[in-house]
Structures are given as structure tokens and as C-alpha cells.
Amino acid sequence: MAWSPLSSTLIFGAQDALLVDAPFTRTLILSVGDRVERSGRRLAYIYATHGHGDHRFGTGQALRRRRRLRH
């Protein structure tokens, strides 16, 4: 195995979405962002289950996209 397996989870509420353990590749972050955008909800929260980088490295890119969509 060349990498540590990681799962990211999107939880949708009526208006908001929660991302648990942001993916750490640009391609996966873009895919998650597209899914949230298509849902019509806003990414309100990102939760990292623990401090390992593979659970939080994509957080910055997800937040930048969220800010861009809000304006």
C-alpha cells in the first residue's frame, strides 16, 4: 500500500453541510466542493477527527473555495 487509507464524510442538513476529515489531494477536495455546491447547501463546518495531516491537509483549500462561493 502506497498511502494510508482515508475516508471523508459529508453530512447534509437542510441548509448546511459538514465535512468530516477533509481529503488531502486537490482532485478530491474539488470533487467534494462540487458535490456540496450541487446540493445547494453551504459548507458550514469541517471537522478533523484527529491531528494527522491526512485528516486536515485539504481544509485550507476547502475553506478558500467556501469563501469564494459566498461572495
PDB file of N, CA and C in Angstrom:
ATOM      1  N   MET A   1       0.844  -1.171   0.000  1.00  0.00           N
ATOM      2  CA  MET A   1       0.000   0.000   0.000  1.00  0.00           C
ATOM      3  C   MET A   1       0.897   1.245   0.000  1.00  0.00           C
ATOM      4  N   ALA A   2       0.612   2.178  -0.905  1.00  0.00           N
ATOM      5  CA  ALA A   2       1.445   3.367  -1.059  1.00  0.00           C
ATOM      6  C   ALA A   2       0.970   4.547  -0.219  1.00  0.00           C
ATOM      7  N   TRP A   3      -0.199   4.450   0.378  1.00  0.00           N
ATOM      8  CA  TRP A   3      -0.712   5.546   1.185  1.00  0.00           C
ATOM      9  C   TRP A   3      -1.611   4.990   2.276  1.00  0.00           C
ATOM     10  N   SER A   4      -1.884   5.822   3.223  1.00  0.00           N
ATOM     11  CA  SER A   4      -2.783   5.433   4.302  1.00  0.00           C
ATOM     12  C   SER A   4      -4.221   5.648   3.848  1.00  0.00           C
ATOM     13  N   PRO A   5      -5.073   4.649   3.971  1.00  0.00           N
ATOM     14  CA  PRO A   5      -6.457   4.833   3.544  1.00  0.00           C
ATOM     15  C   PRO A   5      -7.149   5.899   4.400  1.00  0.00           C
ATOM     16  N   LEU A   6      -7.990   6.664   3.779  1.00  0.00           N
ATOM     17  CA  LEU A   6      -8.698   7.743   4.461  1.00  0.00           C
ATOM     18  C   LEU A   6     -10.087   7.842   3.877  1.00  0.00           C
ATOM     19  N   SER A   7     -11.046   8.045   4.719  1.00  0.00           N
ATOM     20  CA  SER A   7     -12.389   8.312   4.219  1.00  0.00           C
ATOM     21  C   SER A   7     -12.815   9.684   4.698  1.00  0.00           C
ATOM     22  N   SER A   8     -13.471  10.397   3.820  1.00  0.00           N
ATOM     23  CA  SER A   8     -14.068  11.684   4.142  1.00  0.00           C
ATOM     24  C   SER A   8     -15.571  11.482   4.121  1.00  0.00           C
ATOM     25  N   THR A   9     -16.254  12.175   5.001  1.00  0.00           N
ATOM     26  CA  THR A   9     -17.704  12.021   5.097  1.00  0.00           C
ATOM     27  C   THR A   9     -18.362  13.378   4.998  1.00  0.00           C
ATOM     28  N   LEU A  10     -19.369  13.461   4.136  1.00  0.00           N
ATOM     29  CA  LEU A  10     -20.192  14.658   4.041  1.00  0.00           C
ATOM     30  C   LEU A  10     -21.517  14.368   4.724  1.00  0.00           C
ATOM     31  N   ILE A  11     -21.909  15.247   5.607  1.00  0.00           N
ATOM     32  CA  ILE A  11     -23.199  15.115   6.284  1.00  0.00           C
ATOM     33  C   ILE A  11     -24.018  16.342   5.894  1.00  0.00           C
ATOM     34  N   PHE A  12     -25.179  16.101   5.299  1.00  0.00           N
ATOM     35  CA  PHE A  12     -26.021  17.192   4.832  1.00  0.00           C
ATOM     36  C   PHE A  12     -27.187  17.425   5.773  1.00  0.00           C
ATOM     37  N   GLY A  13     -27.390  18.684   6.127  1.00  0.00           N
ATOM     38  CA  GLY A  13     -28.581  19.106   6.838  1.00  0.00           C
ATOM     39  C   GLY A  13     -29.495  19.808   5.848  1.00  0.00           C
ATOM     40  N   ALA A  14     -30.505  20.482   6.336  1.00  0.00           N
ATOM     41  CA  ALA A  14     -31.453  21.158   5.460  1.00  0.00           C
ATOM     42  C   ALA A  14     -30.781  22.269   4.641  1.00  0.00           C
ATOM     43  N   GLN A  15     -29.838  23.003   5.258  1.00  0.00           N
ATOM     44  CA  GLN A  15     -29.200  24.124   4.568  1.00  0.00           C
ATOM     45  C   GLN A  15     -27.684  24.039   4.550  1.00  0.00           C
ATOM     46  N   ASP A  16     -27.106  23.307   5.456  1.00  0.00           N
ATOM     47  CA  ASP A  16     -25.659  23.271   5.627  1.00  0.00           C
ATOM     48  C   ASP A  16     -25.100  21.873   5.413  1.00  0.00           C
ATOM     49  N   ALA A  17     -23.788  21.835   5.240  1.00  0.00           N
ATOM     50  CA  ALA A  17     -23.080  20.561   5.126  1.00  0.00           C
ATOM     51  C   ALA A  17     -21.908  20.571   6.100  1.00  0.00           C
ATOM     52  N   LEU A  18     -21.582  19.401   6.589  1.00  0.00           N
ATOM     53  CA  LEU A  18     -20.443  19.178   7.469  1.00  0.00           C
ATOM     54  C   LEU A  18     -19.514  18.205   6.765  1.00  0.00           C
ATOM     55  N   LEU A  19     -18.244  18.547   6.678  1.00  0.00           N
ATOM     56  CA  LEU A  19     -17.237  17.659   6.108  1.00  0.00           C
ATOM     57  C   LEU A  19     -16.385  17.113   7.242  1.00  0.00           C
ATOM     58  N   VAL A  20     -16.353  15.816   7.369  1.00  0.00           N
ATOM     59  CA  VAL A  20     -15.532  15.157   8.391  1.00  0.00           C
ATOM     60  C   VAL A  20     -14.302  14.599   7.691  1.00  0.00           C
ATOM     61  N   ASP A  21     -13.123  15.004   8.158  1.00  0.00           N
ATOM     62  CA  ASP A  21     -11.839  14.568   7.613  1.00  0.00           C
ATOM     63  C   ASP A  21     -11.709  14.939   6.136  1.00  0.00           C
ATOM     64  N   ALA A  22     -11.332  16.183   5.903  1.00  0.00           N
ATOM     65  CA  ALA A  22     -11.160  16.684   4.532  1.00  0.00           C
ATOM     66  C   ALA A  22     -10.137  15.848   3.782  1.00  0.00           C
ATOM     67  N   PRO A  23     -10.407  15.515   2.526  1.00  0.00           N
ATOM     68  CA  PRO A  23      -9.405  14.795   1.745  1.00  0.00           C
ATOM     69  C   PRO A  23      -8.154  15.657   1.569  1.00  0.00           C
ATOM     70  N   PHE A  24      -7.045  15.043   1.191  1.00  0.00           N
ATOM     71  CA  PHE A  24      -5.815  15.822   1.140  1.00  0.00           C
ATOM     72  C   PHE A  24      -5.258  15.994  -0.258  1.00  0.00           C
ATOM     73  N   THR A  25      -5.947  15.540  -1.283  1.00  0.00           N
ATOM     74  CA  THR A  25      -5.491  15.824  -2.643  1.00  0.00           C
ATOM     75  C   THR A  25      -6.400  16.881  -3.257  1.00  0.00           C
ATOM     76  N   ARG A  26      -5.824  17.675  -4.133  1.00  0.00           N
ATOM     77  CA  ARG A  26      -6.583  18.752  -4.787  1.00  0.00           C
ATOM     78  C   ARG A  26      -7.789  18.193  -5.538  1.00  0.00           C
ATOM     79  N   THR A  27      -7.596  17.103  -6.255  1.00  0.00           N
ATOM     80  CA  THR A  27      -8.673  16.499  -7.033  1.00  0.00           C
ATOM     81  C   THR A  27      -9.842  16.091  -6.144  1.00  0.00           C
ATOM     82  N   LEU A  28      -9.547  15.474  -5.020  1.00  0.00           N
ATOM     83  CA  LEU A  28     -10.617  15.034  -4.121  1.00  0.00           C
ATOM     84  C   LEU A  28     -11.316  16.215  -3.457  1.00  0.00           C
ATOM     85  N   ILE A  29     -10.557  17.238  -3.075  1.00  0.00           N
ATOM     86  CA  ILE A  29     -11.174  18.427  -2.484  1.00  0.00           C
ATOM     87  C   ILE A  29     -12.111  19.091  -3.486  1.00  0.00           C
ATOM     88  N   LEU A  30     -11.673  19.200  -4.743  1.00  0.00           N
ATOM     89  CA  LEU A  30     -12.535  19.790  -5.770  1.00  0.00           C
ATOM     90  C   LEU A  30     -13.804  18.968  -5.956  1.00  0.00           C
ATOM     91  N   SER A  31     -13.676  17.663  -5.917  1.00  0.00           N
ATOM     92  CA  SER A  31     -14.830  16.780  -6.059  1.00  0.00           C
ATOM     93  C   SER A  31     -15.824  16.969  -4.907  1.00  0.00           C
ATOM     94  N   VAL A  32     -15.309  17.052  -3.693  1.00  0.00           N
ATOM     95  CA  VAL A  32     -16.175  17.279  -2.527  1.00  0.00           C
ATOM     96  C   VAL A  32     -16.849  18.642  -2.640  1.00  0.00           C
ATOM     97  N   GLY A  33     -16.089  19.670  -3.025  1.00  0.00           N
ATOM     98  CA  GLY A  33     -16.657  21.001  -3.191  1.00  0.00           C
ATOM     99  C   GLY A  33     -17.755  21.028  -4.240  1.00  0.00           C
ATOM    100  N   ASP A  34     -17.533  20.322  -5.339  1.00  0.00           N
ATOM    101  CA  ASP A  34     -18.555  20.238  -6.390  1.00  0.00           C
ATOM    102  C   ASP A  34     -19.826  19.584  -5.865  1.00  0.00           C
ATOM    103  N   ARG A  35     -19.651  18.544  -5.078  1.00  0.00           N
ATOM    104  CA  ARG A  35     -20.817  17.836  -4.538  1.00  0.00           C
ATOM    105  C   ARG A  35     -21.622  18.732  -3.600  1.00  0.00           C
ATOM    106  N   VAL A  36     -20.929  19.468  -2.745  1.00  0.00           N
ATOM    107  CA  VAL A  36     -21.616  20.389  -1.837  1.00  0.00           C
ATOM    108  C   VAL A  36     -22.341  21.465  -2.645  1.00  0.00           C
ATOM    109  N   GLU A  37     -21.668  22.004  -3.634  1.00  0.00           N
ATOM    110  CA  GLU A  37     -22.266  23.061  -4.455  1.00  0.00           C
ATOM    111  C   GLU A  37     -23.514  22.551  -5.180  1.00  0.00           C
ATOM    112  N   ARG A  38     -23.440  21.360  -5.759  1.00  0.00           N
ATOM    113  CA  ARG A  38     -24.606  20.784  -6.455  1.00  0.00           C
ATOM    114  C   ARG A  38     -25.775  20.542  -5.511  1.00  0.00           C
ATOM    115  N   SER A  39     -25.477  20.314  -4.248  1.00  0.00           N
ATOM    116  CA  SER A  39     -26.546  20.032  -3.280  1.00  0.00           C
ATOM    117  C   SER A  39     -27.339  21.289  -2.923  1.00  0.00           C
ATOM    118  N   GLY A  40     -26.762  22.465  -3.215  1.00  0.00           N
ATOM    119  CA  GLY A  40     -27.416  23.716  -2.859  1.00  0.00           C
ATOM    120  C   GLY A  40     -27.208  24.115  -1.407  1.00  0.00           C
ATOM    121  N   ARG A  41     -26.395  23.353  -0.698  1.00  0.00           N
ATOM    122  CA  ARG A  41     -26.102  23.676   0.698  1.00  0.00           C
ATOM    123  C   ARG A  41     -24.772  24.418   0.779  1.00  0.00           C
ATOM    124  N   ARG A  42     -24.470  24.946   1.953  1.00  0.00           N
ATOM    125  CA  ARG A  42     -23.176  25.597   2.142  1.00  0.00           C
ATOM    126  C   ARG A  42     -22.346  24.749   3.083  1.00  0.00           C
ATOM    127  N   LEU A  43     -21.058  24.725   2.836  1.00  0.00           N
ATOM    128  CA  LEU A  43     -20.146  24.008   3.716  1.00  0.00           C
ATOM    129  C   LEU A  43     -19.958  24.859   4.965  1.00  0.00           C
ATOM    130  N   ALA A  44     -20.621  24.474   6.025  1.00  0.00           N
ATOM    131  CA  ALA A  44     -20.626  25.272   7.252  1.00  0.00           C
ATOM    132  C   ALA A  44     -19.549  24.830   8.235  1.00  0.00           C
ATOM    133  N   TYR A  45     -19.180  23.566   8.191  1.00  0.00           N
ATOM    134  CA  TYR A  45     -18.240  23.036   9.189  1.00  0.00           C
ATOM    135  C   TYR A  45     -17.294  22.035   8.547  1.00  0.00           C
ATOM    136  N   ILE A  46     -16.061  22.028   9.026  1.00  0.00           N
ATOM    137  CA  ILE A  46     -15.092  20.993   8.687  1.00  0.00           C
ATOM    138  C   ILE A  46     -14.545  20.473  10.005  1.00  0.00           C
ATOM    139  N   TYR A  47     -14.634  19.173  10.201  1.00  0.00           N
ATOM    140  CA  TYR A  47     -14.206  18.553  11.451  1.00  0.00           C
ATOM    141  C   TYR A  47     -13.110  17.535  11.154  1.00  0.00           C
ATOM    142  N   ALA A  48     -11.959  17.699  11.775  1.00  0.00           N
ATOM    143  CA  ALA A  48     -10.873  16.719  11.668  1.00  0.00           C
ATOM    144  C   ALA A  48     -10.924  15.839  12.910  1.00  0.00           C
ATOM    145  N   THR A  49     -11.012  14.542  12.714  1.00  0.00           N
ATOM    146  CA  THR A  49     -11.159  13.630  13.840  1.00  0.00           C
ATOM    147  C   THR A  49      -9.912  13.562  14.707  1.00  0.00           C
ATOM    148  N   HIS A  50      -8.761  13.874  14.121  1.00  0.00           N
ATOM    149  CA  HIS A  50      -7.522  13.957  14.900  1.00  0.00           C
ATOM    150  C   HIS A  50      -6.475  14.706  14.080  1.00  0.00           C
ATOM    151  N   GLY A  51      -5.324  14.959  14.663  1.00  0.00           N
ATOM    152  CA  GLY A  51      -4.359  15.881  14.106  1.00  0.00           C
ATOM    153  C   GLY A  51      -3.450  15.388  13.000  1.00  0.00           C
ATOM    154  N   HIS A  52      -3.588  14.166  12.548  1.00  0.00           N
ATOM    155  CA  HIS A  52      -2.735  13.701  11.460  1.00  0.00           C
ATOM    156  C   HIS A  52      -3.024  14.503  10.199  1.00  0.00           C
ATOM    157  N   GLY A  53      -1.979  14.801   9.443  1.00  0.00           N
ATOM    158  CA  GLY A  53      -2.108  15.630   8.252  1.00  0.00           C
ATOM    159  C   GLY A  53      -3.096  15.127   7.229  1.00  0.00           C
ATOM    160  N   ASP A  54      -3.188  13.809   7.053  1.00  0.00           N
ATOM    161  CA  ASP A  54      -4.101  13.289   6.043  1.00  0.00           C
ATOM    162  C   ASP A  54      -5.571  13.492   6.418  1.00  0.00           C
ATOM    163  N   HIS A  55      -5.841  13.995   7.589  1.00  0.00           N
ATOM    164  CA  HIS A  55      -7.206  14.301   8.010  1.00  0.00           C
ATOM    165  C   HIS A  55      -7.494  15.797   7.989  1.00  0.00           C
ATOM    166  N   ARG A  56      -6.460  16.610   7.647  1.00  0.00           N
ATOM    167  CA  ARG A  56      -6.672  18.057   7.691  1.00  0.00           C
ATOM    168  C   ARG A  56      -5.983  18.837   6.583  1.00  0.00           C
ATOM    169  N   PHE A  57      -5.108  18.205   5.791  1.00  0.00           N
ATOM    170  CA  PHE A  57      -4.354  18.950   4.783  1.00  0.00           C
ATOM    171  C   PHE A  57      -5.259  19.652   3.771  1.00  0.00           C
ATOM    172  N   GLY A  58      -6.399  19.108   3.428  1.00  0.00           N
ATOM    173  CA  GLY A  58      -7.288  19.721   2.447  1.00  0.00           C
ATOM    174  C   GLY A  58      -8.184  20.809   3.003  1.00  0.00           C
ATOM    175  N   THR A  59      -8.116  21.051   4.293  1.00  0.00           N
ATOM    176  CA  THR A  59      -9.012  22.015   4.931  1.00  0.00           C
ATOM    177  C   THR A  59      -8.846  23.422   4.358  1.00  0.00           C
ATOM    178  N   GLY A  60      -7.615  23.868   4.164  1.00  0.00           N
ATOM    179  CA  GLY A  60      -7.373  25.217   3.654  1.00  0.00           C
ATOM    180  C   GLY A  60      -7.999  25.437   2.288  1.00  0.00           C
ATOM    181  N   GLN A  61      -7.824  24.477   1.399  1.00  0.00           N
ATOM    182  CA  GLN A  61      -8.395  24.608   0.060  1.00  0.00           C
ATOM    183  C   GLN A  61      -9.920  24.596   0.107  1.00  0.00           C
ATOM    184  N   ALA A  62     -10.492  23.774   0.960  1.00  0.00           N
ATOM    185  CA  ALA A  62     -11.953  23.730   1.092  1.00  0.00           C
ATOM    186  C   ALA A  62     -12.481  25.060   1.619  1.00  0.00           C
ATOM    187  N   LEU A  63     -11.782  25.644   2.579  1.00  0.00           N
ATOM    188  CA  LEU A  63     -12.216  26.941   3.122  1.00  0.00           C
ATOM    189  C   LEU A  63     -12.085  28.062   2.096  1.00  0.00           C
ATOM    190  N   ARG A  64     -11.021  28.039   1.299  1.00  0.00           N
ATOM    191  CA  ARG A  64     -10.859  29.065   0.256  1.00  0.00           C
ATOM    192  C   ARG A  64     -12.004  28.983  -0.750  1.00  0.00           C
ATOM    193  N   ARG A  65     -12.373  27.787  -1.126  1.00  0.00           N
ATOM    194  CA  ARG A  65     -13.484  27.624  -2.067  1.00  0.00           C
ATOM    195  C   ARG A  65     -14.777  28.110  -1.435  1.00  0.00           C
ATOM    196  N   ARG A  66     -14.993  27.779  -0.191  1.00  0.00           N
ATOM    197  CA  ARG A  66     -16.207  28.204   0.512  1.00  0.00           C
ATOM    198  C   ARG A  66     -16.307  29.726   0.526  1.00  0.00           C
ATOM    199  N   ARG A  67     -15.214  30.399   0.831  1.00  0.00           N
ATOM    200  CA  ARG A  67     -15.216  31.864   0.857  1.00  0.00           C
ATOM    201  C   ARG A  67     -15.509  32.446  -0.516  1.00  0.00           C
ATOM    202  N   ARG A  68     -14.931  31.846  -1.539  1.00  0.00           N
ATOM    203  CA  ARG A  68     -15.133  32.322  -2.901  1.00  0.00           C
ATOM    204  C   ARG A  68     -16.600  32.190  -3.312  1.00  0.00           C
ATOM    205  N   LEU A  69     -17.257  31.119  -2.924  1.00  0.00           N
ATOM    206  CA  LEU A  69     -18.655  30.896  -3.288  1.00  0.00           C
ATOM    207  C   LEU A  69     -19.610  31.815  -2.536  1.00  0.00           C
ATOM    208  N   ARG A  70     -19.220  32.254  -1.357  1.00  0.00           N
ATOM    209  CA  ARG A  70     -20.096  33.097  -0.539  1.00  0.00           C
ATOM    210  C   ARG A  70     -20.159  34.523  -1.075  1.00  0.00           C
ATOM    211  N   HIS A  71     -19.172  34.962  -1.834  1.00  0.00           N
ATOM    212  CA  HIS A  71     -19.122  36.361  -2.296  1.00  0.00           C
ATOM    213  C   HIS A  71     -19.703  36.519  -3.671  1.00  0.00           C
TER     214      HIS A  71
END
